[in-house]
Amino acid sequence: MGVASVVALGAALLIAGSVYEGSAEARSMTLACIGAVVAAGAALCVVPLMGPPLVTPDRWGMIVLGISGGRTLLGMGAMLILIEAFALDRKSVVFGVLAGVTTLMIAEGVVAVLLLNQRERARDAARRAAILAGSQVAGSHTEHSDSSGAQHGSLA
């Protein structure tokens, strides 16, 4: 997610800078504020990686979903504050913040799908191994015949 954070920050600043329509001296303030919002959204990516006891495997998906929702609210709230309270250029704030936050959300979704897929494969492999081990144990306790052909009873 570190690479995604850098890409998101770059995309936000590039897009915001390309659509900026204000004065030259306010441009750096606008870009710095947009960068701060995207950096705060990127910092939220650390929460699902904290691990137990805060983030257990059973709650991991819900934590990722909650962080994604929190990042969306952070972006919307920041846009409102930057545009209304600080009177920054509306177009560059909206486009910049949306570009950065959307990039983070796409990257987080892809990583979540890959990690959940990996976890499911490991879980399925463990189930198959348990089933296979169980069938081998059960097979060793069923009826046997000795070299004379006599049948012996099952232990199962």
Protein backbone atom coordinates (compact mmCIF):
# COMPACT_ATOMS: atom_id res chain seq x y z
CA MET A 1 0.00 0.00 0.00
CA GLY A 2 3.03 2.27 0.28
CA VAL A 3 3.40 2.34 -3.50
CA ALA A 4 -0.32 2.98 -3.89
CA SER A 5 -0.09 5.88 -1.45
CA VAL A 6 2.72 7.49 -3.44
CA VAL A 7 0.82 6.95 -6.70
CA ALA A 8 -2.36 8.38 -5.16
CA LEU A 9 -0.52 11.45 -3.90
CA GLY A 10 1.11 11.97 -7.29
CA ALA A 11 -2.20 11.55 -9.13
CA ALA A 12 -3.96 13.97 -6.78
CA LEU A 13 -1.32 16.67 -7.14
CA LEU A 14 -0.96 16.19 -10.90
CA ILE A 15 -4.68 16.42 -11.57
CA ALA A 16 -5.26 19.26 -9.10
CA GLY A 17 -2.36 21.20 -10.57
CA SER A 18 -3.56 20.70 -14.12
CA VAL A 19 -7.07 22.04 -13.46
CA TYR A 20 -6.09 24.82 -11.02
CA GLU A 21 -7.69 28.15 -11.90
CA GLY A 22 -6.64 30.46 -9.04
CA SER A 23 -3.75 32.79 -8.38
CA ALA A 24 -0.17 31.55 -8.47
CA GLU A 25 0.48 32.25 -4.79
CA ALA A 26 -2.60 30.30 -3.66
CA ARG A 27 -1.67 27.34 -5.87
CA SER A 28 0.94 25.96 -3.48
CA MET A 29 -1.44 26.26 -0.52
CA THR A 30 -4.15 24.42 -2.44
CA LEU A 31 -1.79 21.63 -3.50
CA ALA A 32 -0.39 21.29 0.04
CA CYS A 33 -3.89 20.94 1.49
CA ILE A 34 -4.86 18.36 -1.11
CA GLY A 35 -1.65 16.46 -0.41
CA ALA A 36 -2.40 16.49 3.32
CA VAL A 37 -5.88 15.07 2.76
CA VAL A 38 -4.57 12.26 0.56
CA ALA A 39 -1.76 11.54 3.04
CA ALA A 40 -4.31 11.31 5.86
CA GLY A 41 -6.36 8.89 3.75
CA ALA A 42 -3.23 6.85 3.06
CA ALA A 43 -2.42 6.73 6.77
CA LEU A 44 -5.70 4.90 7.32
CA CYS A 45 -4.31 2.01 5.26
CA VAL A 46 -2.15 1.04 8.24
CA VAL A 47 -5.08 0.10 10.48
CA PRO A 48 -5.97 -3.24 8.78
CA LEU A 49 -2.30 -4.23 8.91
CA MET A 50 -2.03 -3.86 12.70
CA GLY A 51 -3.00 -7.45 13.40
CA PRO A 52 -4.23 -9.04 16.62
CA PRO A 53 -5.60 -8.16 19.08
CA LEU A 54 -7.03 -5.09 17.33
CA VAL A 55 -7.58 -6.70 13.92
CA THR A 56 -8.28 -10.42 14.03
CA PRO A 57 -8.64 -12.53 10.88
CA ASP A 58 -12.37 -12.86 11.52
CA ARG A 59 -12.85 -9.08 11.61
CA TRP A 60 -10.33 -8.12 8.92
CA GLY A 61 -12.84 -7.71 6.09
CA MET A 62 -15.11 -5.51 8.20
CA ILE A 63 -12.13 -3.40 9.26
CA VAL A 64 -11.14 -2.84 5.62
CA LEU A 65 -14.73 -1.93 4.77
CA GLY A 66 -14.90 0.50 7.70
CA ILE A 67 -11.59 2.13 6.75
CA SER A 68 -12.79 2.53 3.19
CA GLY A 69 -15.96 4.22 4.41
CA GLY A 70 -13.94 6.40 6.78
CA ARG A 71 -11.63 7.45 3.95
CA THR A 72 -14.66 8.42 1.85
CA LEU A 73 -16.06 10.55 4.67
CA LEU A 74 -12.62 12.09 5.27
CA GLY A 75 -12.37 13.05 1.60
CA MET A 76 -15.86 14.53 1.44
CA GLY A 77 -15.45 16.43 4.71
CA ALA A 78 -12.06 17.75 3.67
CA MET A 79 -13.43 18.93 0.33
CA LEU A 80 -16.21 20.80 2.12
CA ILE A 81 -13.81 22.44 4.57
CA LEU A 82 -11.18 23.34 1.95
CA ILE A 83 -13.72 24.83 -0.42
CA GLU A 84 -16.08 26.58 2.01
CA ALA A 85 -13.90 27.48 4.99
CA PHE A 86 -10.56 28.10 3.27
CA ALA A 87 -12.05 29.30 -0.05
CA LEU A 88 -9.63 27.22 -2.12
CA ASP A 89 -10.19 26.58 -5.82
CA ARG A 90 -13.23 24.31 -6.03
CA LYS A 91 -12.32 22.45 -9.20
CA SER A 92 -8.77 21.56 -8.19
CA VAL A 93 -9.81 20.50 -4.67
CA VAL A 94 -12.61 18.25 -5.90
CA PHE A 95 -10.63 16.69 -8.74
CA GLY A 96 -7.46 16.34 -6.70
CA VAL A 97 -9.02 14.81 -3.60
CA LEU A 98 -11.21 12.47 -5.65
CA ALA A 99 -8.25 11.32 -7.74
CA GLY A 100 -6.15 10.58 -4.66
CA VAL A 101 -8.85 8.93 -2.56
CA THR A 102 -10.20 6.89 -5.49
CA THR A 103 -6.71 5.62 -6.32
CA LEU A 104 -6.28 4.52 -2.70
CA MET A 105 -9.66 2.82 -2.64
CA ILE A 106 -8.98 0.91 -5.87
CA ALA A 107 -5.59 -0.24 -4.61
CA GLU A 108 -7.04 -1.24 -1.25
CA GLY A 109 -9.80 -3.22 -2.97
CA VAL A 110 -7.33 -5.07 -5.15
CA VAL A 111 -5.06 -5.88 -2.20
CA ALA A 112 -8.05 -7.01 -0.11
CA VAL A 113 -9.25 -9.34 -2.87
CA LEU A 114 -5.76 -10.81 -3.30
CA LEU A 115 -5.28 -11.34 0.44
CA LEU A 116 -8.73 -12.84 0.93
CA ASN A 117 -8.18 -15.14 -2.06
CA GLN A 118 -4.85 -16.26 -0.60
CA ARG A 119 -6.47 -16.89 2.78
CA GLU A 120 -9.28 -18.92 1.18
CA ARG A 121 -6.79 -21.05 -0.75
CA ALA A 122 -4.85 -21.77 2.44
CA ARG A 123 -8.08 -22.62 4.27
CA ASP A 124 -9.20 -24.94 1.43
CA ALA A 125 -5.80 -26.65 1.37
CA ALA A 126 -6.02 -27.23 5.13
CA ARG A 127 -9.53 -28.68 4.74
CA ARG A 128 -8.41 -30.98 1.93
CA ALA A 129 -5.43 -32.13 3.99
CA ALA A 130 -7.69 -32.83 6.98
CA ILE A 131 -10.15 -34.76 4.82
CA LEU A 132 -7.36 -36.72 3.21
CA ALA A 133 -5.79 -37.49 6.58
CA GLY A 134 -9.20 -38.50 7.94
CA SER A 135 -9.90 -40.84 5.04
CA GLN A 136 -6.48 -42.47 5.39
CA VAL A 137 -7.05 -43.03 9.11
CA ALA A 138 -10.54 -44.37 8.46
CA GLY A 139 -9.21 -46.62 5.71
CA SER A 140 -6.70 -48.20 8.07
CA HIS A 141 -9.46 -49.26 10.51
CA THR A 142 -11.78 -50.93 7.99
CA GLU A 143 -11.87 -54.64 7.16
CA HIS A 144 -8.57 -56.25 6.22
CA SER A 145 -7.75 -59.61 4.85
CA ASP A 146 -4.62 -61.40 5.86
CA SER A 147 -2.48 -63.50 3.56
CA SER A 148 -4.74 -66.52 4.09
CA GLY A 149 -7.76 -64.62 2.85
CA ALA A 150 -9.55 -64.53 6.20
CA GLN A 151 -11.58 -61.39 6.88
CA HIS A 152 -11.05 -59.38 10.05
CA GLY A 153 -13.69 -57.11 11.55
CA SER A 154 -13.69 -53.36 11.37
CA LEU A 155 -12.57 -51.20 14.28
CA ALA A 156 -14.71 -48.29 13.14
